[in-house]
N, C-alpha and C. Protein backbone atom coordinates (compact mmCIF):
# COMPACT_ATOMS: atom_id res chain seq x y z
N MET A 1 36.78 -72.16 -50.29
CA MET A 1 37.35 -73.50 -50.14
C MET A 1 38.67 -73.39 -49.38
N LYS A 2 38.78 -74.12 -48.31
CA LYS A 2 40.00 -74.12 -47.51
C LYS A 2 40.87 -75.30 -47.91
N ILE A 3 42.15 -75.07 -47.87
CA ILE A 3 43.11 -76.12 -48.17
C ILE A 3 43.86 -76.43 -46.89
N LYS A 4 43.94 -77.70 -46.55
CA LYS A 4 44.69 -78.10 -45.37
C LYS A 4 46.06 -78.57 -45.81
N LEU A 5 47.07 -77.98 -45.18
CA LEU A 5 48.45 -78.35 -45.48
C LEU A 5 49.07 -79.03 -44.27
N ASP A 6 49.78 -80.06 -44.55
CA ASP A 6 50.55 -80.73 -43.50
C ASP A 6 52.01 -80.46 -43.81
N PRO A 7 52.68 -79.61 -43.02
CA PRO A 7 54.07 -79.27 -43.30
C PRO A 7 54.99 -80.49 -43.40
N ALA A 8 54.64 -81.56 -42.73
CA ALA A 8 55.46 -82.76 -42.75
C ALA A 8 55.19 -83.64 -43.97
N ASN A 9 54.13 -83.33 -44.73
CA ASN A 9 53.76 -84.16 -45.87
C ASN A 9 53.71 -83.32 -47.15
N PRO A 10 54.78 -83.37 -47.95
CA PRO A 10 54.83 -82.58 -49.18
C PRO A 10 53.70 -82.87 -50.17
N LYS A 11 53.08 -84.03 -50.05
CA LYS A 11 51.99 -84.36 -50.98
C LYS A 11 50.77 -83.46 -50.77
N THR A 12 50.66 -82.84 -49.58
CA THR A 12 49.53 -81.95 -49.31
C THR A 12 49.81 -80.51 -49.77
N TRP A 13 51.04 -80.24 -50.21
CA TRP A 13 51.40 -78.89 -50.64
C TRP A 13 50.80 -78.63 -52.02
N PRO A 14 50.37 -77.40 -52.30
CA PRO A 14 49.83 -77.10 -53.63
C PRO A 14 50.93 -77.18 -54.68
N LYS A 15 50.53 -77.50 -55.87
CA LYS A 15 51.47 -77.57 -56.98
C LYS A 15 51.90 -76.17 -57.37
N GLY A 16 53.19 -75.98 -57.54
CA GLY A 16 53.71 -74.68 -57.95
C GLY A 16 53.69 -74.54 -59.46
N ARG A 17 53.87 -73.31 -59.88
CA ARG A 17 53.92 -73.05 -61.32
C ARG A 17 55.36 -72.77 -61.71
N ILE A 18 56.08 -73.81 -61.98
CA ILE A 18 57.46 -73.65 -62.40
C ILE A 18 57.67 -74.38 -63.71
N ASN A 19 58.66 -73.96 -64.41
CA ASN A 19 59.08 -74.63 -65.63
C ASN A 19 60.22 -75.55 -65.22
N ALA A 20 59.90 -76.81 -64.99
CA ALA A 20 60.88 -77.76 -64.47
C ALA A 20 62.08 -77.91 -65.40
N ALA A 21 61.84 -77.92 -66.69
CA ALA A 21 62.95 -78.08 -67.65
C ALA A 21 63.90 -76.89 -67.55
N ARG A 22 63.34 -75.70 -67.46
CA ARG A 22 64.18 -74.50 -67.37
C ARG A 22 64.94 -74.50 -66.04
N LEU A 23 64.27 -74.89 -64.97
CA LEU A 23 64.91 -74.95 -63.66
C LEU A 23 66.08 -75.94 -63.68
N ASP A 24 65.86 -77.10 -64.25
CA ASP A 24 66.92 -78.11 -64.32
C ASP A 24 68.09 -77.65 -65.19
N ALA A 25 67.80 -76.82 -66.19
CA ALA A 25 68.85 -76.36 -67.10
C ALA A 25 69.64 -75.17 -66.55
N THR A 26 69.19 -74.59 -65.45
CA THR A 26 69.85 -73.43 -64.88
C THR A 26 71.17 -73.84 -64.24
N THR A 27 72.22 -73.13 -64.60
CA THR A 27 73.55 -73.46 -64.07
C THR A 27 73.80 -72.74 -62.75
N GLU A 28 74.79 -73.20 -62.01
CA GLU A 28 75.18 -72.55 -60.75
C GLU A 28 75.63 -71.11 -61.01
N THR A 29 76.29 -70.89 -62.13
CA THR A 29 76.74 -69.53 -62.49
C THR A 29 75.54 -68.61 -62.70
N GLU A 30 74.51 -69.11 -63.37
CA GLU A 30 73.30 -68.31 -63.58
C GLU A 30 72.58 -68.03 -62.27
N LEU A 31 72.55 -69.04 -61.39
CA LEU A 31 71.93 -68.84 -60.08
C LEU A 31 72.69 -67.79 -59.27
N ALA A 32 74.01 -67.84 -59.31
CA ALA A 32 74.83 -66.86 -58.58
C ALA A 32 74.62 -65.46 -59.15
N ALA A 33 74.53 -65.35 -60.47
CA ALA A 33 74.31 -64.04 -61.10
C ALA A 33 72.94 -63.49 -60.70
N GLN A 34 71.93 -64.33 -60.66
CA GLN A 34 70.60 -63.89 -60.27
C GLN A 34 70.58 -63.46 -58.80
N GLN A 35 71.28 -64.21 -57.96
CA GLN A 35 71.36 -63.86 -56.54
C GLN A 35 72.03 -62.50 -56.37
N ALA A 36 73.12 -62.27 -57.11
CA ALA A 36 73.81 -60.98 -57.02
C ALA A 36 72.91 -59.85 -57.48
N SER A 37 72.15 -60.09 -58.53
CA SER A 37 71.21 -59.09 -59.04
C SER A 37 70.12 -58.80 -58.01
N ASP A 38 69.59 -59.85 -57.40
CA ASP A 38 68.56 -59.68 -56.38
C ASP A 38 69.10 -58.91 -55.17
N ASP A 39 70.33 -59.23 -54.76
CA ASP A 39 70.94 -58.54 -53.62
C ASP A 39 71.15 -57.06 -53.93
N ALA A 40 71.61 -56.75 -55.13
CA ALA A 40 71.83 -55.36 -55.53
C ALA A 40 70.51 -54.60 -55.55
N SER A 41 69.48 -55.24 -56.03
CA SER A 41 68.16 -54.62 -56.08
C SER A 41 67.64 -54.35 -54.66
N ALA A 42 67.84 -55.30 -53.76
CA ALA A 42 67.40 -55.12 -52.37
C ALA A 42 68.16 -53.97 -51.71
N MET A 43 69.45 -53.84 -52.00
CA MET A 43 70.24 -52.74 -51.44
C MET A 43 69.71 -51.40 -51.93
N GLN A 44 69.35 -51.33 -53.21
CA GLN A 44 68.82 -50.08 -53.75
C GLN A 44 67.45 -49.75 -53.16
N ASP A 45 66.64 -50.77 -52.92
CA ASP A 45 65.34 -50.55 -52.27
C ASP A 45 65.55 -49.98 -50.87
N ALA A 46 66.50 -50.53 -50.13
CA ALA A 46 66.79 -50.04 -48.78
C ALA A 46 67.31 -48.62 -48.83
N ALA A 47 68.13 -48.32 -49.83
CA ALA A 47 68.68 -46.96 -49.99
C ALA A 47 67.56 -45.96 -50.26
N ARG A 48 66.65 -46.31 -51.17
CA ARG A 48 65.53 -45.42 -51.47
C ARG A 48 64.65 -45.21 -50.25
N TYR A 49 64.44 -46.26 -49.47
CA TYR A 49 63.61 -46.17 -48.27
C TYR A 49 64.26 -45.23 -47.25
N ALA A 50 65.55 -45.42 -46.97
CA ALA A 50 66.24 -44.56 -46.00
C ALA A 50 66.19 -43.10 -46.44
N ARG A 51 66.43 -42.86 -47.72
CA ARG A 51 66.40 -41.49 -48.25
C ARG A 51 64.99 -40.90 -48.14
N ARG A 52 63.99 -41.69 -48.47
CA ARG A 52 62.60 -41.21 -48.43
C ARG A 52 62.20 -40.86 -47.00
N VAL A 53 62.56 -41.70 -46.03
CA VAL A 53 62.22 -41.41 -44.63
C VAL A 53 62.87 -40.10 -44.21
N ARG A 54 64.15 -39.93 -44.51
CA ARG A 54 64.85 -38.70 -44.13
C ARG A 54 64.21 -37.48 -44.78
N GLN A 55 63.90 -37.58 -46.07
CA GLN A 55 63.32 -36.44 -46.77
C GLN A 55 61.92 -36.10 -46.24
N ARG A 56 61.14 -37.14 -45.91
CA ARG A 56 59.80 -36.89 -45.35
C ARG A 56 59.89 -36.17 -44.01
N LEU A 57 60.97 -36.41 -43.28
CA LEU A 57 61.17 -35.74 -42.01
C LEU A 57 61.65 -34.30 -42.21
N GLY A 58 62.09 -33.99 -43.42
CA GLY A 58 62.59 -32.65 -43.71
C GLY A 58 63.96 -32.40 -43.11
N LEU A 59 64.75 -33.46 -42.96
CA LEU A 59 66.07 -33.34 -42.36
C LEU A 59 67.17 -33.56 -43.40
N THR A 60 68.30 -32.91 -43.18
CA THR A 60 69.48 -33.19 -43.99
C THR A 60 70.10 -34.49 -43.46
N GLN A 61 71.06 -35.01 -44.19
CA GLN A 61 71.75 -36.21 -43.71
C GLN A 61 72.43 -35.92 -42.37
N GLN A 62 73.04 -34.75 -42.28
CA GLN A 62 73.72 -34.36 -41.04
C GLN A 62 72.74 -34.28 -39.87
N GLU A 63 71.60 -33.66 -40.10
CA GLU A 63 70.59 -33.53 -39.05
C GLU A 63 70.05 -34.89 -38.60
N LEU A 64 69.79 -35.77 -39.57
CA LEU A 64 69.30 -37.11 -39.21
C LEU A 64 70.35 -37.86 -38.41
N SER A 65 71.60 -37.77 -38.83
CA SER A 65 72.66 -38.48 -38.11
C SER A 65 72.75 -38.02 -36.67
N GLN A 66 72.57 -36.71 -36.45
CA GLN A 66 72.61 -36.19 -35.09
C GLN A 66 71.38 -36.62 -34.29
N ARG A 67 70.21 -36.60 -34.92
CA ARG A 67 68.96 -36.94 -34.20
C ARG A 67 68.93 -38.39 -33.77
N ILE A 68 69.45 -39.29 -34.62
CA ILE A 68 69.37 -40.72 -34.27
C ILE A 68 70.70 -41.27 -33.76
N ASP A 69 71.70 -40.38 -33.60
CA ASP A 69 73.01 -40.75 -33.04
C ASP A 69 73.70 -41.85 -33.86
N VAL A 70 73.73 -41.61 -35.16
CA VAL A 70 74.41 -42.50 -36.09
C VAL A 70 75.35 -41.61 -36.91
N SER A 71 76.51 -42.13 -37.26
CA SER A 71 77.47 -41.29 -37.98
C SER A 71 76.92 -40.84 -39.34
N LEU A 72 77.37 -39.67 -39.77
CA LEU A 72 76.98 -39.14 -41.07
C LEU A 72 77.38 -40.12 -42.18
N GLU A 73 78.53 -40.72 -42.03
CA GLU A 73 79.01 -41.69 -43.03
C GLU A 73 78.04 -42.88 -43.15
N THR A 74 77.50 -43.32 -42.03
CA THR A 74 76.53 -44.43 -42.05
C THR A 74 75.29 -44.02 -42.82
N ILE A 75 74.77 -42.83 -42.55
CA ILE A 75 73.59 -42.34 -43.28
C ILE A 75 73.88 -42.29 -44.77
N ARG A 76 75.04 -41.77 -45.13
CA ARG A 76 75.42 -41.69 -46.56
C ARG A 76 75.51 -43.08 -47.18
N ASN A 77 76.10 -44.00 -46.45
CA ASN A 77 76.22 -45.37 -46.97
C ASN A 77 74.86 -46.00 -47.18
N TRP A 78 73.92 -45.76 -46.25
CA TRP A 78 72.56 -46.28 -46.42
C TRP A 78 71.94 -45.71 -47.68
N GLU A 79 72.03 -44.40 -47.84
CA GLU A 79 71.34 -43.74 -48.95
C GLU A 79 72.01 -43.99 -50.30
N GLN A 80 73.26 -44.35 -50.29
CA GLN A 80 73.96 -44.66 -51.54
C GLN A 80 73.91 -46.15 -51.88
N GLY A 81 73.29 -46.93 -51.01
CA GLY A 81 73.16 -48.36 -51.26
C GLY A 81 74.43 -49.14 -51.03
N LYS A 82 75.38 -48.56 -50.30
CA LYS A 82 76.62 -49.27 -49.99
C LYS A 82 76.42 -50.22 -48.81
N ARG A 83 75.50 -49.84 -47.92
CA ARG A 83 75.14 -50.66 -46.77
C ARG A 83 73.65 -50.51 -46.52
N SER A 84 73.09 -51.49 -45.84
CA SER A 84 71.67 -51.43 -45.49
C SER A 84 71.52 -51.35 -43.98
N PRO A 85 70.56 -50.56 -43.52
CA PRO A 85 70.30 -50.54 -42.08
C PRO A 85 69.78 -51.91 -41.64
N THR A 86 70.23 -52.37 -40.50
CA THR A 86 69.79 -53.66 -39.98
C THR A 86 69.40 -53.50 -38.53
N GLY A 87 68.75 -54.49 -38.00
CA GLY A 87 68.42 -54.54 -36.59
C GLY A 87 67.69 -53.32 -36.09
N ALA A 88 68.24 -52.71 -35.04
CA ALA A 88 67.61 -51.56 -34.40
C ALA A 88 67.49 -50.37 -35.35
N ALA A 89 68.48 -50.16 -36.20
CA ALA A 89 68.43 -49.04 -37.14
C ALA A 89 67.28 -49.20 -38.13
N LYS A 90 67.08 -50.41 -38.59
CA LYS A 90 65.97 -50.68 -39.51
C LYS A 90 64.63 -50.44 -38.81
N ALA A 91 64.53 -50.89 -37.57
CA ALA A 91 63.30 -50.69 -36.81
C ALA A 91 63.06 -49.21 -36.55
N LEU A 92 64.13 -48.47 -36.24
CA LEU A 92 64.00 -47.04 -36.00
C LEU A 92 63.51 -46.32 -37.25
N LEU A 93 64.04 -46.68 -38.41
CA LEU A 93 63.57 -46.06 -39.66
C LEU A 93 62.08 -46.34 -39.87
N ARG A 94 61.64 -47.55 -39.55
CA ARG A 94 60.22 -47.87 -39.69
C ARG A 94 59.36 -47.00 -38.78
N VAL A 95 59.82 -46.82 -37.53
CA VAL A 95 59.07 -45.98 -36.59
C VAL A 95 59.09 -44.53 -37.07
N LEU A 96 60.22 -44.04 -37.54
CA LEU A 96 60.30 -42.68 -38.06
C LEU A 96 59.38 -42.50 -39.27
N ASP A 97 59.22 -43.54 -40.04
CA ASP A 97 58.36 -43.48 -41.22
C ASP A 97 56.89 -43.47 -40.84
N ARG A 98 56.52 -44.28 -39.86
CA ARG A 98 55.11 -44.47 -39.52
C ARG A 98 54.59 -43.51 -38.45
N ALA A 99 55.46 -43.11 -37.54
CA ALA A 99 55.04 -42.19 -36.47
C ALA A 99 56.16 -41.18 -36.22
N PRO A 100 56.41 -40.32 -37.21
CA PRO A 100 57.58 -39.42 -37.11
C PRO A 100 57.56 -38.48 -35.92
N GLU A 101 56.40 -37.91 -35.62
CA GLU A 101 56.34 -36.95 -34.51
C GLU A 101 56.71 -37.62 -33.19
N ALA A 102 56.10 -38.75 -32.93
CA ALA A 102 56.36 -39.47 -31.68
C ALA A 102 57.82 -39.92 -31.61
N ALA A 103 58.33 -40.42 -32.73
CA ALA A 103 59.72 -40.90 -32.74
C ALA A 103 60.70 -39.76 -32.49
N LEU A 104 60.50 -38.65 -33.17
CA LEU A 104 61.40 -37.51 -33.00
C LEU A 104 61.30 -36.92 -31.59
N GLN A 105 60.10 -36.92 -31.04
CA GLN A 105 59.93 -36.42 -29.68
C GLN A 105 60.65 -37.34 -28.68
N ALA A 106 60.52 -38.64 -28.89
CA ALA A 106 61.17 -39.60 -28.00
C ALA A 106 62.69 -39.51 -28.09
N LEU A 107 63.18 -39.19 -29.29
CA LEU A 107 64.64 -39.07 -29.47
C LEU A 107 65.18 -37.77 -28.88
N GLY A 108 64.27 -36.82 -28.62
CA GLY A 108 64.66 -35.57 -27.98
C GLY A 108 65.26 -34.64 -28.93
């Protein structure tokens, strides 16, 4: 069974499963705390990913920093969850994860 949705008409959207009373009772402070928790969790996920990619390549932090021309401090910050790779760095980590031989060869 296919469902047709009209983005301009909310009446065509499927009903969600939310507890409206609980949602209405949620304070701005609780929302901010949840957002902070979600952000911290996302940073740790990015840190684990960066560390896993480096370890799968069999490189030290120093070696990875030299291979991808990023400072050692940046690599450490990624792996400690202090910062997350963004933009080109994030894309490069994905390529290193999915096609390590080709990526490392291209990086020289």
